[in-house]
Protein backbone atom coordinates (compact mmCIF):
# COMPACT_ATOMS: atom_id res chain seq x y z
CA MET A 1 11.57 -15.84 -3.97
CA GLY A 2 8.65 -14.68 -6.13
CA LYS A 3 6.74 -11.45 -6.11
CA ILE A 4 4.26 -11.09 -3.25
CA ASN A 5 0.88 -9.76 -4.38
CA LEU A 6 -1.26 -8.66 -1.44
CA THR A 7 -4.00 -7.07 -3.53
CA THR A 8 -6.50 -9.52 -4.94
CA VAL A 9 -7.58 -7.41 -7.93
CA GLN A 10 -5.65 -5.70 -10.69
CA PHE A 11 -4.83 -2.04 -9.98
CA LYS A 12 -6.81 0.32 -12.22
CA GLY A 13 -5.86 3.79 -11.04
CA THR A 14 -6.51 6.71 -13.37
CA PRO A 15 -4.11 9.51 -14.33
CA GLU A 16 -6.50 11.94 -12.60
CA GLN A 17 -6.27 9.97 -9.35
CA GLU A 18 -2.48 9.89 -9.54
CA LYS A 19 -2.32 13.64 -10.21
CA LYS A 20 -4.56 14.32 -7.21
CA LEU A 21 -2.45 11.98 -5.05
CA ARG A 22 0.86 13.58 -6.04
CA GLU A 23 -0.53 17.11 -5.47
CA MET A 24 -1.75 16.11 -2.01
CA LEU A 25 1.58 14.46 -1.17
CA ASN A 26 3.48 17.52 -2.37
CA SER A 27 1.54 19.63 0.13
CA LEU A 28 2.52 17.25 2.96
CA LYS A 29 6.22 16.90 2.03
CA GLY A 30 8.59 17.67 4.87
CA GLN A 31 5.87 17.79 7.53
CA PRO A 32 6.51 15.65 10.61
CA GLY A 33 3.95 12.86 10.95
CA ALA A 34 2.77 13.16 7.35
CA THR A 35 2.47 9.39 6.82
CA MET A 36 -0.93 8.88 8.47
CA PRO A 37 -2.73 11.81 6.83
CA ALA A 38 -1.13 10.92 3.49
CA LEU A 39 -2.38 7.33 3.67
CA GLN A 40 -5.84 8.44 4.82
CA GLN A 41 -6.16 10.85 1.92
CA ALA A 42 -4.71 8.31 -0.53
CA GLN A 43 -7.35 5.82 0.57
CA GLU A 44 -10.03 8.48 0.06
CA ILE A 45 -8.77 9.02 -3.51
CA TYR A 46 -8.50 5.33 -4.48
CA GLY A 47 -10.84 3.63 -2.01
CA TYR A 48 -8.01 1.36 -0.82
CA LEU A 49 -4.20 1.26 -0.62
CA PRO A 50 -2.73 -1.05 -3.24
CA ILE A 51 1.05 -1.43 -3.31
CA GLU A 52 1.23 0.83 -6.37
CA VAL A 53 -0.21 3.70 -4.31
CA GLN A 54 1.99 2.87 -1.31
CA LYS A 55 5.07 3.12 -3.55
CA ILE A 56 4.05 6.60 -4.72
CA VAL A 57 3.46 7.71 -1.12
CA ALA A 58 6.86 6.36 -0.05
CA GLU A 59 8.61 7.99 -3.01
CA GLU A 60 6.96 11.40 -2.65
CA LEU A 61 7.36 11.60 1.15
CA ASN A 62 10.88 10.13 1.02
CA VAL A 63 9.87 7.44 3.52
CA PRO A 64 10.90 3.78 3.22
CA LEU A 65 8.23 1.61 1.57
CA GLU A 66 8.53 -0.78 4.53
CA GLU A 67 7.32 1.98 6.85
CA ILE A 68 4.39 2.85 4.58
CA PHE A 69 3.46 -0.82 4.26
CA GLY A 70 3.80 -1.32 8.04
CA VAL A 71 1.38 1.53 8.77
CA SER A 72 -1.00 0.37 6.01
CA THR A 73 -1.22 -3.14 7.44
CA PHE A 74 -1.16 -2.22 11.15
CA TYR A 75 -4.26 -0.03 11.28
CA SER A 76 -7.57 -1.77 10.63
CA TRP A 77 -9.17 1.20 8.85
CA PHE A 78 -6.71 0.89 5.96
CA SER A 79 -7.54 -1.67 3.29
CA LEU A 80 -5.16 -3.23 0.76
CA ASN A 81 -8.11 -4.42 -1.31
CA PRO A 82 -11.08 -2.52 -2.73
CA VAL A 83 -14.41 -2.82 -0.99
CA GLY A 84 -17.07 -4.64 -2.98
CA GLU A 85 -20.04 -2.84 -4.47
CA ASN A 86 -22.58 -5.00 -2.62
CA LYS A 87 -22.54 -6.05 1.01
CA VAL A 88 -23.78 -9.57 1.64
CA SER A 89 -24.54 -10.94 5.10
CA VAL A 90 -25.98 -14.23 6.17
């Protein structure tokens, strides 16, 4: 079975974003119910939750990636893809 790619664009996170993410996650480590606030703040940092970011969240919080992915895909306010610069409606 091949690799599943749920994000439609190439991930282009910066070292500054990753540093900010890891610092935020470090402050949440060991707190019960840290998954939701961690994902909300991660999405604020990156604008969306690509699998690369989900892996960091899972690793830093010591939570299975499946759980992080499940939460990321269950709630409609989380996005696995970046939002476009322009909104078009017809």
